[in-house]
PDB file of N, CA and C in Angstrom:
ATOM      1  N   MET A   1      -7.110 -21.580  12.820  1.00  0.00           N
ATOM      2  CA  MET A   1      -8.396 -21.368  12.724  1.00  0.00           C
ATOM      3  C   MET A   1      -8.489 -19.891  12.610  1.00  0.00           C
ATOM      4  N   ILE A   2      -9.341 -19.495  11.609  1.00  0.00           N
ATOM      5  CA  ILE A   2      -9.613 -18.371  11.084  1.00  0.00           C
ATOM      6  C   ILE A   2     -10.884 -17.997  11.992  1.00  0.00           C
ATOM      7  N   GLU A   3     -10.603 -16.621  12.351  1.00  0.00           N
ATOM      8  CA  GLU A   3     -11.805 -15.800  13.223  1.00  0.00           C
ATOM      9  C   GLU A   3     -12.710 -15.460  12.102  1.00  0.00           C
ATOM     10  N   LEU A   4     -14.197 -15.095  12.790  1.00  0.00           N
ATOM     11  CA  LEU A   4     -14.943 -14.584  11.919  1.00  0.00           C
ATOM     12  C   LEU A   4     -14.619 -13.338  11.032  1.00  0.00           C
ATOM     13  N   LYS A   5     -13.960 -12.236  12.038  1.00  0.00           N
ATOM     14  CA  LYS A   5     -13.627 -11.100  11.896  1.00  0.00           C
ATOM     15  C   LYS A   5     -12.375 -11.143  10.288  1.00  0.00           C
ATOM     16  N   ASP A   6     -11.759 -12.454  10.383  1.00  0.00           N
ATOM     17  CA  ASP A   6     -10.750 -12.188   9.240  1.00  0.00           C
ATOM     18  C   ASP A   6     -11.024 -12.966   8.252  1.00  0.00           C
ATOM     19  N   THR A   7     -12.627 -13.018   7.890  1.00  0.00           N
ATOM     20  CA  THR A   7     -13.004 -13.493   6.425  1.00  0.00           C
ATOM     21  C   THR A   7     -13.445 -12.691   5.471  1.00  0.00           C
ATOM     22  N   THR A   8     -13.296 -11.328   5.469  1.00  0.00           N
ATOM     23  CA  THR A   8     -13.610 -10.549   4.613  1.00  0.00           C
ATOM     24  C   THR A   8     -12.597 -10.894   3.739  1.00  0.00           C
ATOM     25  N   PRO A   9     -13.211 -10.781   2.137  1.00  0.00           N
ATOM     26  CA  PRO A   9     -12.312 -10.892   1.162  1.00  0.00           C
ATOM     27  C   PRO A   9     -11.071 -10.047   1.257  1.00  0.00           C
ATOM     28  N   ALA A  10      -9.803 -11.030   1.094  1.00  0.00           N
ATOM     29  CA  ALA A  10      -8.467 -10.612   0.940  1.00  0.00           C
ATOM     30  C   ALA A  10      -7.861 -10.678  -0.441  1.00  0.00           C
ATOM     31  N   GLU A  11      -8.600 -10.580  -1.486  1.00  0.00           N
ATOM     32  CA  GLU A  11      -8.182 -10.415  -2.528  1.00  0.00           C
ATOM     33  C   GLU A  11      -6.504  -9.942  -2.931  1.00  0.00           C
ATOM     34  N   LYS A  12      -5.813 -10.938  -3.552  1.00  0.00           N
ATOM     35  CA  LYS A  12      -3.797 -10.473  -3.743  1.00  0.00           C
ATOM     36  C   LYS A  12      -3.652 -10.094  -2.277  1.00  0.00           C
ATOM     37  N   ASP A  13      -3.680 -10.408  -1.202  1.00  0.00           N
ATOM     38  CA  ASP A  13      -2.690 -10.215   0.162  1.00  0.00           C
ATOM     39  C   ASP A  13      -1.767 -10.469  -0.178  1.00  0.00           C
ATOM     40  N   GLY A  14      -0.747 -10.336   0.264  1.00  0.00           N
ATOM     41  CA  GLY A  14       0.726 -10.608   0.313  1.00  0.00           C
ATOM     42  C   GLY A  14       1.796  -9.669   0.454  1.00  0.00           C
ATOM     43  N   LYS A  15       2.793  -9.815  -0.269  1.00  0.00           N
ATOM     44  CA  LYS A  15       4.005  -8.830  -0.246  1.00  0.00           C
ATOM     45  C   LYS A  15       4.171  -8.653  -1.636  1.00  0.00           C
ATOM     46  N   TYR A  16       4.553  -7.100  -1.979  1.00  0.00           N
ATOM     47  CA  TYR A  16       4.932  -6.761  -3.258  1.00  0.00           C
ATOM     48  C   TYR A  16       6.363  -5.661  -2.976  1.00  0.00           C
ATOM     49  N   GLN A  17       7.151  -6.057  -4.200  1.00  0.00           N
ATOM     50  CA  GLN A  17       8.346  -5.227  -4.136  1.00  0.00           C
ATOM     51  C   GLN A  17       8.538  -4.816  -5.566  1.00  0.00           C
ATOM     52  N   PHE A  18       8.756  -3.115  -5.554  1.00  0.00           N
ATOM     53  CA  PHE A  18       8.866  -2.724  -6.787  1.00  0.00           C
ATOM     54  C   PHE A  18      10.069  -1.245  -6.454  1.00  0.00           C
ATOM     55  N   LYS A  19      10.276  -0.628  -7.390  1.00  0.00           N
ATOM     56  CA  LYS A  19      10.822   0.573  -7.396  1.00  0.00           C
ATOM     57  C   LYS A  19      10.163   1.779  -7.372  1.00  0.00           C
ATOM     58  N   LEU A  20      10.250   2.632  -6.676  1.00  0.00           N
ATOM     59  CA  LEU A  20       9.207   3.868  -6.750  1.00  0.00           C
ATOM     60  C   LEU A  20      10.199   4.909  -6.963  1.00  0.00           C
ATOM     61  N   HIS A  21       9.789   6.315  -7.672  1.00  0.00           N
ATOM     62  CA  HIS A  21      10.499   7.280  -7.719  1.00  0.00           C
ATOM     63  C   HIS A  21       9.949   7.925  -6.532  1.00  0.00           C
ATOM     64  N   TYR A  22      11.040   8.590  -5.878  1.00  0.00           N
ATOM     65  CA  TYR A  22      10.311   8.954  -4.388  1.00  0.00           C
ATOM     66  C   TYR A  22      11.625  10.457  -4.256  1.00  0.00           C
ATOM     67  N   SER A  23      11.548  11.911  -3.564  1.00  0.00           N
ATOM     68  CA  SER A  23      12.342  12.529  -3.862  1.00  0.00           C
ATOM     69  C   SER A  23      13.576  12.517  -4.727  1.00  0.00           C
ATOM     70  N   GLY A  24      13.115  12.651  -5.915  1.00  0.00           N
ATOM     71  CA  GLY A  24      14.171  12.784  -7.136  1.00  0.00           C
ATOM     72  C   GLY A  24      15.021  11.452  -7.254  1.00  0.00           C
ATOM     73  N   ARG A  25      14.900  10.383  -6.488  1.00  0.00           N
ATOM     74  CA  ARG A  25      15.463   9.407  -7.049  1.00  0.00           C
ATOM     75  C   ARG A  25      14.920   7.781  -6.904  1.00  0.00           C
ATOM     76  N   GLU A  26      15.726   6.912  -7.367  1.00  0.00           N
ATOM     77  CA  GLU A  26      14.728   5.509  -7.327  1.00  0.00           C
ATOM     78  C   GLU A  26      15.020   4.316  -6.226  1.00  0.00           C
ATOM     79  N   VAL A  27      14.116   4.195  -5.589  1.00  0.00           N
ATOM     80  CA  VAL A  27      14.031   3.703  -4.009  1.00  0.00           C
ATOM     81  C   VAL A  27      13.350   2.149  -4.159  1.00  0.00           C
ATOM     82  N   ASN A  28      13.638   1.358  -3.241  1.00  0.00           N
ATOM     83  CA  ASN A  28      13.083   0.227  -3.171  1.00  0.00           C
ATOM     84  C   ASN A  28      11.590   0.650  -2.421  1.00  0.00           C
ATOM     85  N   CYS A  29      10.488  -0.165  -2.688  1.00  0.00           N
ATOM     86  CA  CYS A  29       9.470   0.186  -2.199  1.00  0.00           C
ATOM     87  C   CYS A  29       8.881  -1.260  -1.770  1.00  0.00           C
ATOM     88  N   LEU A  30       8.463  -1.978  -0.473  1.00  0.00           N
ATOM     89  CA  LEU A  30       8.014  -3.035  -0.140  1.00  0.00           C
ATOM     90  C   LEU A  30       6.358  -2.728   0.809  1.00  0.00           C
ATOM     91  N   VAL A  31       5.753  -3.338  -0.072  1.00  0.00           N
ATOM     92  CA  VAL A  31       3.904  -3.410   0.343  1.00  0.00           C
ATOM     93  C   VAL A  31       3.741  -4.467   0.932  1.00  0.00           C
ATOM     94  N   GLU A  32       2.943  -4.782   1.723  1.00  0.00           N
ATOM     95  CA  GLU A  32       2.440  -5.845   2.560  1.00  0.00           C
ATOM     96  C   GLU A  32       0.808  -5.399   2.621  1.00  0.00           C
ATOM     97  N   LYS A  33       0.070  -6.036   2.085  1.00  0.00           N
ATOM     98  CA  LYS A  33      -1.394  -6.105   1.887  1.00  0.00           C
ATOM     99  C   LYS A  33      -1.720  -7.182   2.454  1.00  0.00           C
ATOM    100  N   GLU A  34      -2.825  -6.571   3.957  1.00  0.00           N
ATOM    101  CA  GLU A  34      -3.545  -7.089   4.669  1.00  0.00           C
ATOM    102  C   GLU A  34      -4.833  -6.966   4.875  1.00  0.00           C
ATOM    103  N   GLN A  35      -5.855  -7.543   4.047  1.00  0.00           N
ATOM    104  CA  GLN A  35      -7.087  -6.977   4.227  1.00  0.00           C
ATOM    105  C   GLN A  35      -7.488  -5.967   3.406  1.00  0.00           C
ATOM    106  N   GLN A  36      -7.779  -4.763   4.436  1.00  0.00           N
ATOM    107  CA  GLN A  36      -8.469  -3.247   3.570  1.00  0.00           C
ATOM    108  C   GLN A  36      -6.833  -2.599   4.137  1.00  0.00           C
ATOM    109  N   MET A  37      -5.717  -3.130   4.430  1.00  0.00           N
ATOM    110  CA  MET A  37      -4.685  -2.023   4.622  1.00  0.00           C
ATOM    111  C   MET A  37      -2.983  -2.637   4.118  1.00  0.00           C
ATOM    112  N   LEU A  38      -2.931  -1.514   3.434  1.00  0.00           N
ATOM    113  CA  LEU A  38      -1.080  -1.279   3.241  1.00  0.00           C
ATOM    114  C   LEU A  38      -0.518  -1.204   4.142  1.00  0.00           C
ATOM    115  N   HIS A  39       0.710  -1.917   4.372  1.00  0.00           N
ATOM    116  CA  HIS A  39       1.998  -1.408   5.294  1.00  0.00           C
ATOM    117  C   HIS A  39       2.972  -0.882   4.283  1.00  0.00           C
ATOM    118  N   VAL A  40       3.202   0.237   4.221  1.00  0.00           N
ATOM    119  CA  VAL A  40       4.293   0.590   3.204  1.00  0.00           C
ATOM    120  C   VAL A  40       6.091   0.974   3.795  1.00  0.00           C
ATOM    121  N   THR A  41       6.933   0.511   3.242  1.00  0.00           N
ATOM    122  CA  THR A  41       8.265   0.696   3.696  1.00  0.00           C
ATOM    123  C   THR A  41       8.847   1.071   2.075  1.00  0.00           C
ATOM    124  N   ILE A  42       9.508   2.459   2.380  1.00  0.00           N
ATOM    125  CA  ILE A  42      10.056   2.977   1.141  1.00  0.00           C
ATOM    126  C   ILE A  42      11.670   3.432   1.711  1.00  0.00           C
ATOM    127  N   ASP A  43      12.542   2.546   0.831  1.00  0.00           N
ATOM    128  CA  ASP A  43      13.863   2.539   1.599  1.00  0.00           C
ATOM    129  C   ASP A  43      14.446   2.398   2.696  1.00  0.00           C
ATOM    130  N   ASP A  44      13.816   1.267   3.270  1.00  0.00           N
ATOM    131  CA  ASP A  44      14.172   0.915   4.589  1.00  0.00           C
ATOM    132  C   ASP A  44      14.011   1.668   5.544  1.00  0.00           C
ATOM    133  N   ASN A  45      13.512   3.097   5.490  1.00  0.00           N
ATOM    134  CA  ASN A  45      13.531   4.111   6.568  1.00  0.00           C
ATOM    135  C   ASN A  45      12.152   4.835   6.689  1.00  0.00           C
ATOM    136  N   ILE A  46      11.354   4.952   5.742  1.00  0.00           N
ATOM    137  CA  ILE A  46      10.031   5.638   5.489  1.00  0.00           C
ATOM    138  C   ILE A  46       8.840   4.427   5.746  1.00  0.00           C
ATOM    139  N   THR A  47       8.100   5.024   6.664  1.00  0.00           N
ATOM    140  CA  THR A  47       7.099   3.665   6.706  1.00  0.00           C
ATOM    141  C   THR A  47       5.538   4.636   6.534  1.00  0.00           C
ATOM    142  N   ALA A  48       4.735   3.927   5.828  1.00  0.00           N
ATOM    143  CA  ALA A  48       3.043   4.405   6.239  1.00  0.00           C
ATOM    144  C   ALA A  48       2.081   3.508   6.164  1.00  0.00           C
ATOM    145  N   GLU A  49       1.167   3.758   6.441  1.00  0.00           N
ATOM    146  CA  GLU A  49      -0.181   2.782   6.630  1.00  0.00           C
ATOM    147  C   GLU A  49      -1.002   3.469   5.570  1.00  0.00           C
ATOM    148  N   LEU A  50      -1.611   2.878   4.641  1.00  0.00           N
ATOM    149  CA  LEU A  50      -3.104   3.214   3.579  1.00  0.00           C
ATOM    150  C   LEU A  50      -4.111   2.163   3.632  1.00  0.00           C
ATOM    151  N   LYS A  51      -5.278   2.690   4.506  1.00  0.00           N
ATOM    152  CA  LYS A  51      -6.502   1.858   4.023  1.00  0.00           C
ATOM    153  C   LYS A  51      -7.180   2.140   3.071  1.00  0.00           C
ATOM    154  N   ILE A  52      -7.686   1.007   2.337  1.00  0.00           N
ATOM    155  CA  ILE A  52      -8.163   0.818   1.261  1.00  0.00           C
ATOM    156  C   ILE A  52      -9.749   0.927   1.523  1.00  0.00           C
ATOM    157  N   ASN A  53     -10.430   1.693   0.811  1.00  0.00           N
ATOM    158  CA  ASN A  53     -11.492   2.241   0.955  1.00  0.00           C
ATOM    159  C   ASN A  53     -12.495   1.547   0.285  1.00  0.00           C
ATOM    160  N   ASN A  54     -13.732   1.380   0.396  1.00  0.00           N
ATOM    161  CA  ASN A  54     -14.764   0.484  -0.532  1.00  0.00           C
ATOM    162  C   ASN A  54     -14.747   1.137  -1.636  1.00  0.00           C
ATOM    163  N   ASP A  55     -14.589   2.332  -2.334  1.00  0.00           N
ATOM    164  CA  ASP A  55     -14.635   2.413  -3.406  1.00  0.00           C
ATOM    165  C   ASP A  55     -13.266   2.508  -4.624  1.00  0.00           C
ATOM    166  N   ASN A  56     -12.311   1.723  -3.661  1.00  0.00           N
ATOM    167  CA  ASN A  56     -10.849   1.750  -4.297  1.00  0.00           C
ATOM    168  C   ASN A  56      -9.783   2.705  -3.985  1.00  0.00           C
ATOM    169  N   THR A  57     -10.571   3.654  -3.433  1.00  0.00           N
ATOM    170  CA  THR A  57      -9.657   4.869  -3.128  1.00  0.00           C
ATOM    171  C   THR A  57      -8.604   4.360  -2.127  1.00  0.00           C
ATOM    172  N   LEU A  58      -7.055   5.279  -1.518  1.00  0.00           N
ATOM    173  CA  LEU A  58      -6.405   4.966  -0.801  1.00  0.00           C
ATOM    174  C   LEU A  58      -6.449   6.055   0.510  1.00  0.00           C
ATOM    175  N   THR A  59      -6.474   5.753   1.723  1.00  0.00           N
ATOM    176  CA  THR A  59      -6.505   6.853   2.439  1.00  0.00           C
ATOM    177  C   THR A  59      -5.302   6.395   3.440  1.00  0.00           C
ATOM    178  N   GLN A  60      -4.076   7.450   3.560  1.00  0.00           N
ATOM    179  CA  GLN A  60      -3.012   7.532   4.680  1.00  0.00           C
ATOM    180  C   GLN A  60      -3.721   7.435   5.883  1.00  0.00           C
ATOM    181  N   THR A  61      -3.255   6.303   6.941  1.00  0.00           N
ATOM    182  CA  THR A  61      -3.804   6.312   8.068  1.00  0.00           C
ATOM    183  C   THR A  61      -2.652   6.956   9.208  1.00  0.00           C
ATOM    184  N   ALA A  62      -1.909   6.491   8.541  1.00  0.00           N
ATOM    185  CA  ALA A  62      -0.341   6.750   9.704  1.00  0.00           C
ATOM    186  C   ALA A  62       1.347   6.667   9.005  1.00  0.00           C
ATOM    187  N   GLY A  63       2.031   7.382   9.940  1.00  0.00           N
ATOM    188  CA  GLY A  63       3.402   7.233   9.159  1.00  0.00           C
ATOM    189  C   GLY A  63       3.584   8.787   8.118  1.00  0.00           C
ATOM    190  N   THR A  64       4.886   8.572   7.896  1.00  0.00           N
ATOM    191  CA  THR A  64       5.222   9.601   6.790  1.00  0.00           C
ATOM    192  C   THR A  64       4.215  10.070   5.573  1.00  0.00           C
ATOM    193  N   ASN A  65       4.299  11.269   5.647  1.00  0.00           N
ATOM    194  CA  ASN A  65       3.096  11.836   4.682  1.00  0.00           C
ATOM    195  C   ASN A  65       3.780  11.598   3.037  1.00  0.00           C
ATOM    196  N   LEU A  66       3.240  10.948   2.133  1.00  0.00           N
ATOM    197  CA  LEU A  66       3.374  10.372   1.092  1.00  0.00           C
ATOM    198  C   LEU A  66       3.143  11.331   0.519  1.00  0.00           C
ATOM    199  N   PRO A  67       3.601  11.521  -0.632  1.00  0.00           N
ATOM    200  CA  PRO A  67       3.096  12.667  -1.887  1.00  0.00           C
ATOM    201  C   PRO A  67       1.698  11.849  -2.623  1.00  0.00           C
ATOM    202  N   ASP A  68       0.786  12.406  -3.024  1.00  0.00           N
ATOM    203  CA  ASP A  68      -0.177  11.694  -3.747  1.00  0.00           C
ATOM    204  C   ASP A  68       0.086  10.685  -5.214  1.00  0.00           C
ATOM    205  N   SER A  69       1.397  11.309  -5.998  1.00  0.00           N
ATOM    206  CA  SER A  69       1.817  10.763  -6.969  1.00  0.00           C
ATOM    207  C   SER A  69       2.294   9.143  -6.456  1.00  0.00           C
ATOM    208  N   SER A  70       2.846   9.248  -5.061  1.00  0.00           N
ATOM    209  CA  SER A  70       3.590   7.640  -4.364  1.00  0.00           C
ATOM    210  C   SER A  70       2.493   7.011  -4.279  1.00  0.00           C
ATOM    211  N   ILE A  71       1.208   8.022  -3.868  1.00  0.00           N
ATOM    212  CA  ILE A  71       0.102   6.599  -3.580  1.00  0.00           C
ATOM    213  C   ILE A  71      -0.548   6.000  -4.749  1.00  0.00           C
ATOM    214  N   ASP A  72      -0.735   7.139  -5.925  1.00  0.00           N
ATOM    215  CA  ASP A  72      -1.346   6.373  -7.063  1.00  0.00           C
ATOM    216  C   ASP A  72      -0.642   5.246  -7.513  1.00  0.00           C
ATOM    217  N   PHE A  73       0.805   5.196  -7.625  1.00  0.00           N
ATOM    218  CA  PHE A  73       1.693   4.255  -8.169  1.00  0.00           C
ATOM    219  C   PHE A  73       1.670   3.059  -7.173  1.00  0.00           C
ATOM    220  N   ILE A  74       1.625   3.269  -6.022  1.00  0.00           N
ATOM    221  CA  ILE A  74       1.320   1.959  -5.167  1.00  0.00           C
ATOM    222  C   ILE A  74       0.247   1.964  -5.302  1.00  0.00           C
ATOM    223  N   LYS A  75      -0.895   2.035  -5.409  1.00  0.00           N
ATOM    224  CA  LYS A  75      -2.347   1.678  -5.998  1.00  0.00           C
ATOM    225  C   LYS A  75      -2.170   1.167  -7.127  1.00  0.00           C
ATOM    226  N   LYS A  76      -1.606   1.755  -8.123  1.00  0.00           N
ATOM    227  CA  LYS A  76      -1.641   0.927  -9.296  1.00  0.00           C
ATOM    228  C   LYS A  76      -0.607  -0.471  -9.530  1.00  0.00           C
ATOM    229  N   LYS A  77       0.472  -0.353  -8.501  1.00  0.00           N
ATOM    230  CA  LYS A  77       1.098  -1.807  -8.558  1.00  0.00           C
ATOM    231  C   LYS A  77       0.537  -2.879  -7.725  1.00  0.00           C
ATOM    232  N   VAL A  78      -0.226  -2.580  -6.392  1.00  0.00           N
ATOM    233  CA  VAL A  78      -0.747  -3.434  -5.475  1.00  0.00           C
ATOM    234  C   VAL A  78      -1.826  -3.623  -6.181  1.00  0.00           C
ATOM    235  N   LEU A  79      -2.720  -2.714  -6.362  1.00  0.00           N
ATOM    236  CA  LEU A  79      -4.554  -3.129  -6.691  1.00  0.00           C
ATOM    237  C   LEU A  79      -4.696  -3.374  -8.096  1.00  0.00           C
ATOM    238  N   GLY A  80      -3.449  -2.851  -9.081  1.00  0.00           N
ATOM    239  CA  GLY A  80      -3.948  -2.815 -10.627  1.00  0.00           C
ATOM    240  C   GLY A  80      -5.029  -2.003 -10.764  1.00  0.00           C
ATOM    241  N   LEU A  81      -5.024  -0.752 -10.212  1.00  0.00           N
ATOM    242  CA  LEU A  81      -6.325  -0.398 -11.177  1.00  0.00           C
ATOM    243  C   LEU A  81      -5.580   0.908 -11.473  1.00  0.00           C
ATOM    244  N   GLN A  82      -6.157   1.774 -12.293  1.00  0.00           N
ATOM    245  CA  GLN A  82      -5.476   2.727 -12.731  1.00  0.00           C
ATOM    246  C   GLN A  82      -6.292   4.042 -12.081  1.00  0.00           C
ATOM    247  N   VAL A  83      -5.285   5.156 -12.068  1.00  0.00           N
ATOM    248  CA  VAL A  83      -6.092   6.483 -10.902  1.00  0.00           C
ATOM    249  C   VAL A  83      -6.331   7.114 -11.977  1.00  0.00           C
TER     250      VAL A  83
END
């Protein structure tokens, strides 16, 4: 049963896996999208939480500080939006 608080549109929810250039090397990146949150795991040892704002920008709310270029790349891969 779905509770009312979980009925926010959740377009493209799910898991995304792709390669990401981070710290001068290409690493695996796993992103799990749940509603307005992105749970990011890079190279199995770096984690971060990103919040999708109403204007489709991303704000990091927890975890290892990610460079803007990585956040922009994740946004493009998961949300399909150009930065």
